[in-house]
Amino acid sequence: MTQTDDRSARPRPGEWTVGELLKWAEADFREKGIDSPRLDAEILLAHSLSMKRVELYTRYEELPGEEGLARFRQAVKRRRNREPAAYILGFKEFHDITLSVPAGRFIPRPETELLVDEVLAVLKKAELKGRVILDIGTGTGAIPLAILHALPLVEAVAVDLDPTAGEAVTKNAAALGLADRIRFLAGDGLEAAADLAPFDHITCNPPYVPSATIAELQPEVRDHEPRLALDGGEEGLDFIRRLAEETPPMLRPGGRLFLEIGEGQEKAMGALAGKGLVLEKIRNDLQGIPRIVIFRRA
């Protein structure tokens, strides 16, 4: 039996090559039921050894040092306990930026990049100077910071019910050189930014998971990420309905509300229009699931 075949074996300094470590971690994660065992093994090993992922293959036969190996063993231990990789790394790639993601903060998803794409498509057709967007439930600031990074003349206000989110937003904005174009407000949804209205556009990745299905989520999400960012009430639509009700007076005429929704919730979107909002577009994600909804203020 080889080292990498023995699932109980522990990698030791001077004995396991980069390639063997990669195979060991992938097999371990696969046995634990982790969805992306190869990818997670690669990103955790590369980070632990201070390498780029591509270097794992150009340095496949190297023996890593004791410190890097110790970091990797600890990272594997945390990941096999279903702690999200973003918390272990401390960061997450999102759109064209890298975000600090402290433990307990909602982790930006690839699907939300589609929302950013839709906002950029609208804004790039407009005069940008003086445009201000409002992001509700901002978390790490992923949505507004990705938009500001792409469009140098736009400004943003970011709101989150959790006041500690301001630390993550401030840190990420400073690292990206965007601190002078974003303002964080702690408070309850649109109400927190009412004094600054109207806005050109409003963005939100709301809590949209039905309460009864929270327990069925993957352990990484259910046990580690904030329930406040997940639980959308009985149908998953509580916060979305509230946004549709309160958004029109917060938007300039022609301004838009960009939302991410859960699977099957597109059927309810039409009923939310007609109160100052027009349902303009629903965009599918890469799996063909309706995911991004755009309302326009009439």
C-alpha atoms as a PDB file:
ATOM      1  CA  MET A   1       0.000   0.000   0.000  1.00  0.00           C
ATOM      2  CA  THR A   2       1.427   3.394  -0.928  1.00  0.00           C
ATOM      3  CA  GLN A   3       1.378   6.461   1.249  1.00  0.00           C
ATOM      4  CA  THR A   4      -1.450   8.037  -0.710  1.00  0.00           C
ATOM      5  CA  ASP A   5      -3.522   4.842  -0.599  1.00  0.00           C
ATOM      6  CA  ASP A   6      -3.465   4.762   3.214  1.00  0.00           C
ATOM      7  CA  ARG A   7      -6.273   7.117   4.207  1.00  0.00           C
ATOM      8  CA  SER A   8      -5.206   7.050   7.868  1.00  0.00           C
ATOM      9  CA  ALA A   9      -1.639   8.073   7.051  1.00  0.00           C
ATOM     10  CA  ARG A  10      -0.445  11.504   8.109  1.00  0.00           C
ATOM     11  CA  PRO A  11       1.914  13.363   5.786  1.00  0.00           C
ATOM     12  CA  ARG A  12       5.336  13.845   7.361  1.00  0.00           C
ATOM     13  CA  PRO A  13       8.115  16.317   6.521  1.00  0.00           C
ATOM     14  CA  GLY A  14      10.662  15.081   4.006  1.00  0.00           C
ATOM     15  CA  GLU A  15       8.554  12.115   2.881  1.00  0.00           C
ATOM     16  CA  TRP A  16       5.505  13.361   0.953  1.00  0.00           C
ATOM     17  CA  THR A  17       5.834  15.209  -2.330  1.00  0.00           C
ATOM     18  CA  VAL A  18       3.534  17.985  -3.474  1.00  0.00           C
ATOM     19  CA  GLY A  19       1.806  15.516  -5.795  1.00  0.00           C
ATOM     20  CA  GLU A  20       1.279  12.955  -3.037  1.00  0.00           C
ATOM     21  CA  LEU A  21      -0.142  15.584  -0.718  1.00  0.00           C
ATOM     22  CA  LEU A  22      -2.569  16.677  -3.408  1.00  0.00           C
ATOM     23  CA  LYS A  23      -3.783  13.116  -3.996  1.00  0.00           C
ATOM     24  CA  TRP A  24      -4.084  12.433  -0.267  1.00  0.00           C
ATOM     25  CA  ALA A  25      -6.177  15.529   0.418  1.00  0.00           C
ATOM     26  CA  GLU A  26      -8.409  14.957  -2.614  1.00  0.00           C
ATOM     27  CA  ALA A  27      -9.141  11.385  -1.539  1.00  0.00           C
ATOM     28  CA  ASP A  28      -9.783  12.477   2.044  1.00  0.00           C
ATOM     29  CA  PHE A  29     -12.229  15.213   0.974  1.00  0.00           C
ATOM     30  CA  ARG A  30     -14.004  12.865  -1.421  1.00  0.00           C
ATOM     31  CA  GLU A  31     -14.584  10.343   1.364  1.00  0.00           C
ATOM     32  CA  LYS A  32     -16.021  13.106   3.556  1.00  0.00           C
ATOM     33  CA  GLY A  33     -18.575  13.972   0.870  1.00  0.00           C
ATOM     34  CA  ILE A  34     -17.124  17.375   0.003  1.00  0.00           C
ATOM     35  CA  ASP A  35     -18.472  18.594  -3.341  1.00  0.00           C
ATOM     36  CA  SER A  36     -15.243  19.816  -4.951  1.00  0.00           C
ATOM     37  CA  PRO A  37     -12.495  17.645  -3.475  1.00  0.00           C
ATOM     38  CA  ARG A  38      -9.864  18.271  -6.159  1.00  0.00           C
ATOM     39  CA  LEU A  39     -10.374  22.019  -6.303  1.00  0.00           C
ATOM     40  CA  ASP A  40     -10.355  22.390  -2.524  1.00  0.00           C
ATOM     41  CA  ALA A  41      -7.214  20.261  -2.241  1.00  0.00           C
ATOM     42  CA  GLU A  42      -5.505  22.454  -4.824  1.00  0.00           C
ATOM     43  CA  ILE A  43      -6.402  25.817  -3.355  1.00  0.00           C
ATOM     44  CA  LEU A  44      -5.606  24.789   0.225  1.00  0.00           C
ATOM     45  CA  LEU A  45      -2.292  23.198  -0.707  1.00  0.00           C
ATOM     46  CA  ALA A  46      -1.237  26.119  -2.902  1.00  0.00           C
ATOM     47  CA  HIS A  47      -2.124  28.580  -0.143  1.00  0.00           C
ATOM     48  CA  SER A  48      -0.358  26.554   2.549  1.00  0.00           C
ATOM     49  CA  LEU A  49       2.822  26.320   0.474  1.00  0.00           C
ATOM     50  CA  SER A  50       2.640  29.952  -0.747  1.00  0.00           C
ATOM     51  CA  MET A  51       2.373  28.785  -4.350  1.00  0.00           C
ATOM     52  CA  LYS A  52       0.088  29.499  -7.254  1.00  0.00           C
ATOM     53  CA  ARG A  53      -2.163  26.588  -8.178  1.00  0.00           C
ATOM     54  CA  VAL A  54      -0.323  26.023 -11.447  1.00  0.00           C
ATOM     55  CA  GLU A  55       2.928  25.604  -9.496  1.00  0.00           C
ATOM     56  CA  LEU A  56       1.541  22.511  -7.824  1.00  0.00           C
ATOM     57  CA  TYR A  57       2.052  20.759 -11.146  1.00  0.00           C
ATOM     58  CA  THR A  58       5.380  22.315 -12.103  1.00  0.00           C
ATOM     59  CA  ARG A  59       6.729  21.387  -8.634  1.00  0.00           C
ATOM     60  CA  TYR A  60       4.873  18.090  -8.360  1.00  0.00           C
ATOM     61  CA  GLU A  61       7.883  16.059  -7.144  1.00  0.00           C
ATOM     62  CA  GLU A  62       9.161  18.576  -4.603  1.00  0.00           C
ATOM     63  CA  LEU A  63       9.190  17.881  -0.877  1.00  0.00           C
ATOM     64  CA  PRO A  64       7.580  20.824   0.921  1.00  0.00           C
ATOM     65  CA  GLY A  65       9.071  22.287   4.080  1.00  0.00           C
ATOM     66  CA  GLU A  66       7.894  21.541   7.590  1.00  0.00           C
ATOM     67  CA  GLU A  67       6.062  24.863   8.108  1.00  0.00           C
ATOM     68  CA  GLY A  68       4.096  24.619   4.862  1.00  0.00           C
ATOM     69  CA  LEU A  69       3.210  21.019   5.584  1.00  0.00           C
ATOM     70  CA  ALA A  70       1.988  21.910   9.078  1.00  0.00           C
ATOM     71  CA  ARG A  71      -0.232  24.660   7.626  1.00  0.00           C
ATOM     72  CA  PHE A  72      -1.640  22.217   5.088  1.00  0.00           C
ATOM     73  CA  ARG A  73      -2.394  19.538   7.663  1.00  0.00           C
ATOM     74  CA  GLN A  74      -4.281  22.094   9.736  1.00  0.00           C
ATOM     75  CA  ALA A  75      -6.195  23.334   6.679  1.00  0.00           C
ATOM     76  CA  VAL A  76      -7.186  19.779   5.749  1.00  0.00           C
ATOM     77  CA  LYS A  77      -8.366  19.134   9.296  1.00  0.00           C
ATOM     78  CA  ARG A  78     -10.595  22.215   9.200  1.00  0.00           C
ATOM     79  CA  ARG A  79     -11.964  21.424   5.749  1.00  0.00           C
ATOM     80  CA  ARG A  80     -12.795  17.800   6.558  1.00  0.00           C
ATOM     81  CA  ASN A  81     -14.884  19.208   9.422  1.00  0.00           C
ATOM     82  CA  ARG A  82     -16.831  21.034   6.690  1.00  0.00           C
ATOM     83  CA  GLU A  83     -15.553  24.509   7.481  1.00  0.00           C
ATOM     84  CA  PRO A  84     -15.825  26.530   4.232  1.00  0.00           C
ATOM     85  CA  ALA A  85     -12.604  26.895   2.285  1.00  0.00           C
ATOM     86  CA  ALA A  86     -13.084  30.676   2.140  1.00  0.00           C
ATOM     87  CA  TYR A  87     -12.892  30.875   5.948  1.00  0.00           C
ATOM     88  CA  ILE A  88      -9.761  28.725   6.007  1.00  0.00           C
ATOM     89  CA  LEU A  89      -8.085  30.855   3.351  1.00  0.00           C
ATOM     90  CA  GLY A  90      -9.496  34.112   4.710  1.00  0.00           C
ATOM     91  CA  PHE A  91     -10.433  35.342   1.259  1.00  0.00           C
ATOM     92  CA  LYS A  92     -12.643  34.668  -1.761  1.00  0.00           C
ATOM     93  CA  GLU A  93     -12.275  35.548  -5.426  1.00  0.00           C
ATOM     94  CA  PHE A  94     -15.384  37.334  -6.701  1.00  0.00           C
ATOM     95  CA  HIS A  95     -15.858  38.814 -10.153  1.00  0.00           C
ATOM     96  CA  ASP A  96     -12.539  40.592 -10.772  1.00  0.00           C
ATOM     97  CA  ILE A  97     -11.642  41.266  -7.144  1.00  0.00           C
ATOM     98  CA  THR A  98     -10.355  39.414  -4.084  1.00  0.00           C
ATOM     99  CA  LEU A  99     -12.319  39.868  -0.877  1.00  0.00           C
ATOM    100  CA  SER A 100     -11.373  39.256   2.723  1.00  0.00           C
ATOM    101  CA  VAL A 101     -13.980  36.882   4.181  1.00  0.00           C
ATOM    102  CA  PRO A 102     -13.796  36.523   7.963  1.00  0.00           C
ATOM    103  CA  ALA A 103     -15.420  33.528   9.633  1.00  0.00           C
ATOM    104  CA  GLY A 104     -19.130  34.013  10.154  1.00  0.00           C
ATOM    105  CA  ARG A 105     -19.580  36.370   7.232  1.00  0.00           C
ATOM    106  CA  PHE A 106     -21.691  35.354   4.223  1.00  0.00           C
ATOM    107  CA  ILE A 107     -19.451  34.021   1.453  1.00  0.00           C
ATOM    108  CA  PRO A 108     -19.959  35.581  -2.016  1.00  0.00           C
ATOM    109  CA  ARG A 109     -21.286  33.095  -4.588  1.00  0.00           C
ATOM    110  CA  PRO A 110     -20.512  32.719  -8.303  1.00  0.00           C
ATOM    111  CA  GLU A 111     -24.221  33.197  -9.071  1.00  0.00           C
ATOM    112  CA  THR A 112     -24.073  36.688  -7.607  1.00  0.00           C
ATOM    113  CA  GLU A 113     -21.451  37.628 -10.191  1.00  0.00           C
ATOM    114  CA  LEU A 114     -24.306  37.494 -12.707  1.00  0.00           C
ATOM    115  CA  LEU A 115     -26.098  40.217 -10.741  1.00  0.00           C
ATOM    116  CA  VAL A 116     -22.968  42.377 -10.944  1.00  0.00           C
ATOM    117  CA  ASP A 117     -22.807  41.727 -14.702  1.00  0.00           C
ATOM    118  CA  GLU A 118     -26.389  42.951 -15.115  1.00  0.00           C
ATOM    119  CA  VAL A 119     -25.705  46.128 -13.157  1.00  0.00           C
ATOM    120  CA  LEU A 120     -22.593  46.825 -15.214  1.00  0.00           C
ATOM    121  CA  ALA A 121     -24.479  46.275 -18.453  1.00  0.00           C
ATOM    122  CA  VAL A 122     -27.008  48.946 -17.425  1.00  0.00           C
ATOM    123  CA  LEU A 123     -24.513  51.434 -16.019  1.00  0.00           C
ATOM    124  CA  LYS A 124     -22.123  51.247 -18.945  1.00  0.00           C
ATOM    125  CA  LYS A 125     -24.853  52.693 -21.143  1.00  0.00           C
ATOM    126  CA  ALA A 126     -25.321  55.719 -18.868  1.00  0.00           C
ATOM    127  CA  GLU A 127     -23.492  58.853 -17.847  1.00  0.00           C
ATOM    128  CA  LEU A 128     -21.639  57.562 -14.794  1.00  0.00           C
ATOM    129  CA  LYS A 129     -20.519  60.673 -12.957  1.00  0.00           C
ATOM    130  CA  GLY A 130     -22.643  61.147  -9.861  1.00  0.00           C
ATOM    131  CA  ARG A 131     -24.310  57.737 -10.074  1.00  0.00           C
ATOM    132  CA  VAL A 132     -24.894  56.144  -6.670  1.00  0.00           C
ATOM    133  CA  ILE A 133     -25.983  52.581  -5.996  1.00  0.00           C
ATOM    134  CA  LEU A 134     -27.350  51.183  -2.741  1.00  0.00           C
ATOM    135  CA  ASP A 135     -26.540  47.617  -1.709  1.00  0.00           C
ATOM    136  CA  ILE A 136     -28.734  45.999   0.946  1.00  0.00           C
ATOM    137  CA  GLY A 137     -27.401  43.169   3.121  1.00  0.00           C
ATOM    138  CA  THR A 138     -23.907  43.842   1.865  1.00  0.00           C
ATOM    139  CA  GLY A 139     -21.931  41.306   3.934  1.00  0.00           C
ATOM    140  CA  THR A 140     -18.334  41.668   2.736  1.00  0.00           C
ATOM    141  CA  GLY A 141     -19.296  44.419   0.291  1.00  0.00           C
ATOM    142  CA  ALA A 142     -18.914  42.038  -2.652  1.00  0.00           C
ATOM    143  CA  ILE A 143     -21.575  43.493  -4.953  1.00  0.00           C
ATOM    144  CA  PRO A 144     -20.870  47.232  -4.603  1.00  0.00           C
ATOM    145  CA  LEU A 145     -17.086  46.801  -4.529  1.00  0.00           C
ATOM    146  CA  ALA A 146     -17.102  44.708  -7.713  1.00  0.00           C
ATOM    147  CA  ILE A 147     -19.189  47.409  -9.397  1.00  0.00           C
ATOM    148  CA  LEU A 148     -16.984  50.261  -8.174  1.00  0.00           C
ATOM    149  CA  HIS A 149     -13.861  48.377  -9.253  1.00  0.00           C
ATOM    150  CA  ALA A 150     -15.219  48.103 -12.784  1.00  0.00           C
ATOM    151  CA  LEU A 151     -16.637  51.651 -13.013  1.00  0.00           C
ATOM    152  CA  PRO A 152     -14.368  54.369 -11.557  1.00  0.00           C
ATOM    153  CA  LEU A 153     -16.981  57.168 -11.536  1.00  0.00           C
ATOM    154  CA  VAL A 154     -19.716  55.329  -9.606  1.00  0.00           C
ATOM    155  CA  GLU A 155     -20.221  55.587  -5.823  1.00  0.00           C
ATOM    156  CA  ALA A 156     -22.012  53.249  -3.419  1.00  0.00           C
ATOM    157  CA  VAL A 157     -23.760  53.034  -0.074  1.00  0.00           C
ATOM    158  CA  ALA A 158     -23.623  49.612   1.595  1.00  0.00           C
ATOM    159  CA  VAL A 159     -26.095  48.612   4.326  1.00  0.00           C
ATOM    160  CA  ASP A 160     -26.118  45.617   6.646  1.00  0.00           C
ATOM    161  CA  LEU A 161     -28.168  44.820   9.731  1.00  0.00           C
ATOM    162  CA  ASP A 162     -25.022  43.461  11.395  1.00  0.00           C
ATOM    163  CA  PRO A 163     -22.826  46.437  12.382  1.00  0.00           C
ATOM    164  CA  THR A 164     -19.698  44.250  12.370  1.00  0.00           C
ATOM    165  CA  ALA A 165     -20.090  43.881   8.596  1.00  0.00           C
ATOM    166  CA  GLY A 166     -18.665  47.380   8.393  1.00  0.00           C
ATOM    167  CA  GLU A 167     -15.258  45.998   9.381  1.00  0.00           C
ATOM    168  CA  ALA A 168     -15.195  43.639   6.403  1.00  0.00           C
ATOM    169  CA  VAL A 169     -16.482  46.280   3.982  1.00  0.00           C
ATOM    170  CA  THR A 170     -13.966  48.855   5.202  1.00  0.00           C
ATOM    171  CA  LYS A 171     -11.069  46.400   5.004  1.00  0.00           C
ATOM    172  CA  ASN A 172     -12.000  45.240   1.516  1.00  0.00           C
ATOM    173  CA  ALA A 173     -12.611  48.772   0.235  1.00  0.00           C
ATOM    174  CA  ALA A 174      -9.221  49.921   1.526  1.00  0.00           C
ATOM    175  CA  ALA A 175      -7.412  46.942  -0.010  1.00  0.00           C
ATOM    176  CA  LEU A 176      -9.020  47.690  -3.380  1.00  0.00           C
ATOM    177  CA  GLY A 177      -8.386  51.424  -3.210  1.00  0.00           C
ATOM    178  CA  LEU A 178     -12.111  52.171  -3.135  1.00  0.00           C
ATOM    179  CA  ALA A 179     -12.544  53.535   0.383  1.00  0.00           C
ATOM    180  CA  ASP A 180     -13.359  57.043  -0.835  1.00  0.00           C
ATOM    181  CA  ARG A 181     -16.275  55.840  -2.980  1.00  0.00           C
ATOM    182  CA  ILE A 182     -18.236  53.631  -0.599  1.00  0.00           C
ATOM    183  CA  ARG A 183     -20.060  54.372   2.639  1.00  0.00           C
ATOM    184  CA  PHE A 184     -21.214  51.720   5.114  1.00  0.00           C
ATOM    185  CA  LEU A 185     -24.385  52.099   7.173  1.00  0.00           C
ATOM    186  CA  ALA A 186     -25.542  49.686   9.863  1.00  0.00           C
ATOM    187  CA  GLY A 187     -29.293  49.264   9.957  1.00  0.00           C
ATOM    188  CA  ASP A 188     -32.433  47.506   8.843  1.00  0.00           C
ATOM    189  CA  GLY A 189     -32.663  47.402   5.067  1.00  0.00           C
ATOM    190  CA  LEU A 190     -33.770  50.431   3.068  1.00  0.00           C
ATOM    191  CA  GLU A 191     -34.755  52.279   6.210  1.00  0.00           C
ATOM    192  CA  ALA A 192     -31.100  52.772   7.147  1.00  0.00           C
ATOM    193  CA  ALA A 193     -30.395  54.719   3.954  1.00  0.00           C
ATOM    194  CA  ALA A 194     -33.693  56.597   3.618  1.00  0.00           C
ATOM    195  CA  ASP A 195     -32.086  59.983   4.288  1.00  0.00           C
ATOM    196  CA  LEU A 196     -29.731  59.513   1.304  1.00  0.00           C
ATOM    197  CA  ALA A 197     -32.421  58.594  -1.236  1.00  0.00           C
ATOM    198  CA  PRO A 198     -33.122  58.616  -4.085  1.00  0.00           C
ATOM    199  CA  PHE A 199     -30.570  56.187  -5.548  1.00  0.00           C
ATOM    200  CA  ASP A 200     -29.841  55.414  -9.175  1.00  0.00           C
ATOM    201  CA  HIS A 201     -29.996  51.662  -8.579  1.00  0.00           C
ATOM    202  CA  ILE A 202     -30.461  49.262  -5.670  1.00  0.00           C
ATOM    203  CA  THR A 203     -28.849  45.823  -5.431  1.00  0.00           C
ATOM    204  CA  CYS A 204     -29.483  42.972  -3.036  1.00  0.00           C
ATOM    205  CA  ASN A 205     -28.675  39.313  -2.579  1.00  0.00           C
ATOM    206  CA  PRO A 206     -31.442  38.768  -0.011  1.00  0.00           C
ATOM    207  CA  PRO A 207     -32.051  35.836   2.323  1.00  0.00           C
ATOM    208  CA  TYR A 208     -34.225  33.581   0.151  1.00  0.00           C
ATOM    209  CA  VAL A 209     -33.960  30.065   1.597  1.00  0.00           C
ATOM    210  CA  PRO A 210     -37.320  28.831   2.979  1.00  0.00           C
ATOM    211  CA  SER A 211     -37.014  28.406   6.747  1.00  0.00           C
ATOM    212  CA  ALA A 212     -38.009  24.732   6.696  1.00  0.00           C
ATOM    213  CA  THR A 213     -35.187  23.821   4.296  1.00  0.00           C
ATOM    214  CA  ILE A 214     -32.327  25.450   6.220  1.00  0.00           C
ATOM    215  CA  ALA A 215     -31.621  22.117   7.926  1.00  0.00           C
ATOM    216  CA  GLU A 216     -31.170  20.468   4.512  1.00  0.00           C
ATOM    217  CA  LEU A 217     -28.378  22.791   3.412  1.00  0.00           C
ATOM    218  CA  GLN A 218     -24.793  21.589   3.168  1.00  0.00           C
ATOM    219  CA  PRO A 219     -22.945  21.658   6.520  1.00  0.00           C
ATOM    220  CA  GLU A 220     -20.617  24.368   5.211  1.00  0.00           C
ATOM    221  CA  VAL A 221     -23.586  26.691   4.820  1.00  0.00           C
ATOM    222  CA  ARG A 222     -25.949  25.484   7.555  1.00  0.00           C
ATOM    223  CA  ASP A 223     -23.375  25.281  10.341  1.00  0.00           C
ATOM    224  CA  HIS A 224     -21.019  28.132   9.513  1.00  0.00           C
ATOM    225  CA  GLU A 225     -22.638  30.954   7.560  1.00  0.00           C
ATOM    226  CA  PRO A 226     -24.987  33.478   9.215  1.00  0.00           C
ATOM    227  CA  ARG A 227     -28.610  32.333   9.287  1.00  0.00           C
ATOM    228  CA  LEU A 228     -29.666  35.956   8.949  1.00  0.00           C
ATOM    229  CA  ALA A 229     -28.257  35.949   5.412  1.00  0.00           C
ATOM    230  CA  LEU A 230     -30.044  32.711   4.497  1.00  0.00           C
ATOM    231  CA  ASP A 231     -33.484  32.494   6.104  1.00  0.00           C
ATOM    232  CA  GLY A 232     -36.153  34.077   3.905  1.00  0.00           C
ATOM    233  CA  GLY A 233     -39.171  32.969   5.909  1.00  0.00           C
ATOM    234  CA  GLU A 234     -41.805  30.358   5.084  1.00  0.00           C
ATOM    235  CA  GLU A 235     -41.549  30.692   1.296  1.00  0.00           C
ATOM    236  CA  GLY A 236     -38.153  32.351   1.214  1.00  0.00           C
ATOM    237  CA  LEU A 237     -39.787  35.551  -0.013  1.00  0.00           C
ATOM    238  CA  ASP A 238     -40.268  37.634   3.145  1.00  0.00           C
ATOM    239  CA  PHE A 239     -37.409  40.060   2.562  1.00  0.00           C
ATOM    240  CA  ILE A 240     -37.927  40.135  -1.206  1.00  0.00           C
ATOM    241  CA  ARG A 241     -41.565  41.191  -0.774  1.00  0.00           C
ATOM    242  CA  ARG A 242     -40.509  43.873   1.664  1.00  0.00           C
ATOM    243  CA  LEU A 243     -37.932  45.212  -0.788  1.00  0.00           C
ATOM    244  CA  ALA A 244     -40.462  45.389  -3.603  1.00  0.00           C
ATOM    245  CA  GLU A 245     -42.847  47.295  -1.354  1.00  0.00           C
ATOM    246  CA  GLU A 246     -40.309  49.797  -0.022  1.00  0.00           C
ATOM    247  CA  THR A 247     -38.040  50.286  -3.039  1.00  0.00           C
ATOM    248  CA  PRO A 248     -40.010  52.628  -5.392  1.00  0.00           C
ATOM    249  CA  PRO A 249     -39.663  55.846  -3.344  1.00  0.00           C
ATOM    250  CA  MET A 250     -35.966  55.065  -2.834  1.00  0.00           C
ATOM    251  CA  LEU A 251     -35.238  54.962  -6.579  1.00  0.00           C
ATOM    252  CA  ARG A 252     -34.929  57.703  -9.149  1.00  0.00           C
ATOM    253  CA  PRO A 253     -37.411  57.391 -12.060  1.00  0.00           C
ATOM    254  CA  GLY A 254     -36.053  54.686 -14.343  1.00  0.00           C
ATOM    255  CA  GLY A 255     -33.840  53.309 -11.586  1.00  0.00           C
ATOM    256  CA  ARG A 256     -33.621  49.565 -11.088  1.00  0.00           C
ATOM    257  CA  LEU A 257     -33.769  47.003  -8.321  1.00  0.00           C
ATOM    258  CA  PHE A 258     -31.454  44.036  -8.969  1.00  0.00           C
ATOM    259  CA  LEU A 259     -32.211  40.890  -6.934  1.00  0.00           C
ATOM    260  CA  GLU A 260     -30.933  37.352  -6.646  1.00  0.00           C
ATOM    261  CA  ILE A 261     -33.629  34.723  -6.018  1.00  0.00           C
ATOM    262  CA  GLY A 262     -33.872  31.028  -5.219  1.00  0.00           C
ATOM    263  CA  GLU A 263     -34.978  28.156  -7.426  1.00  0.00           C
ATOM    264  CA  GLY A 264     -38.690  28.280  -8.250  1.00  0.00           C
ATOM    265  CA  GLN A 265     -39.203  31.788  -6.897  1.00  0.00           C
ATOM    266  CA  GLU A 266     -39.427  33.425 -10.323  1.00  0.00           C
ATOM    267  CA  LYS A 267     -43.117  32.502 -10.398  1.00  0.00           C
ATOM    268  CA  ALA A 268     -43.795  34.994  -7.613  1.00  0.00           C
ATOM    269  CA  MET A 269     -41.945  37.904  -9.180  1.00  0.00           C
ATOM    270  CA  GLY A 270     -44.764  39.103 -11.414  1.00  0.00           C
ATOM    271  CA  ALA A 271     -47.006  39.661  -8.406  1.00  0.00           C
ATOM    272  CA  LEU A 272     -44.423  42.022  -6.904  1.00  0.00           C
ATOM    273  CA  ALA A 273     -44.668  44.433  -9.834  1.00  0.00           C
ATOM    274  CA  GLY A 274     -47.404  47.015 -10.202  1.00  0.00           C
ATOM    275  CA  LYS A 275     -46.601  49.009  -7.067  1.00  0.00           C
ATOM    276  CA  GLY A 276     -44.276  51.408  -8.781  1.00  0.00           C
ATOM    277  CA  LEU A 277     -42.081  48.653 -10.187  1.00  0.00           C
ATOM    278  CA  VAL A 278     -42.077  46.997 -13.602  1.00  0.00           C
ATOM    279  CA  LEU A 279     -40.627  43.494 -13.984  1.00  0.00           C
ATOM    280  CA  GLU A 280     -38.013  44.066 -16.661  1.00  0.00           C
ATOM    281  CA  LYS A 281     -35.925  40.891 -16.843  1.00  0.00           C
ATOM    282  CA  ILE A 282     -35.224  37.504 -15.285  1.00  0.00           C
ATOM    283  CA  ARG A 283     -31.840  35.946 -16.061  1.00  0.00           C
ATOM    284  CA  ASN A 284     -30.942  32.284 -15.676  1.00  0.00           C
ATOM    285  CA  ASP A 285     -27.745  31.104 -14.048  1.00  0.00           C
ATOM    286  CA  LEU A 286     -25.330  28.662 -15.705  1.00  0.00           C
ATOM    287  CA  GLN A 287     -27.535  25.722 -14.626  1.00  0.00           C
ATOM    288  CA  GLY A 288     -30.545  27.252 -16.347  1.00  0.00           C
ATOM    289  CA  ILE A 289     -32.201  28.258 -13.061  1.00  0.00           C
ATOM    290  CA  PRO A 290     -33.885  31.693 -13.007  1.00  0.00           C
ATOM    291  CA  ARG A 291     -31.577  33.580 -10.681  1.00  0.00           C
ATOM    292  CA  ILE A 292     -31.336  37.343 -11.285  1.00  0.00           C
ATOM    293  CA  VAL A 293     -34.417  39.577 -11.335  1.00  0.00           C
ATOM    294  CA  ILE A 294     -34.480  43.185 -12.486  1.00  0.00           C
ATOM    295  CA  PHE A 295     -37.317  45.552 -11.611  1.00  0.00           C
ATOM    296  CA  ARG A 296     -37.469  49.097 -13.019  1.00  0.00           C
ATOM    297  CA  ARG A 297     -39.171  52.010 -11.319  1.00  0.00           C
ATOM    298  CA  ALA A 298     -42.022  53.139 -13.547  1.00  0.00           C
END
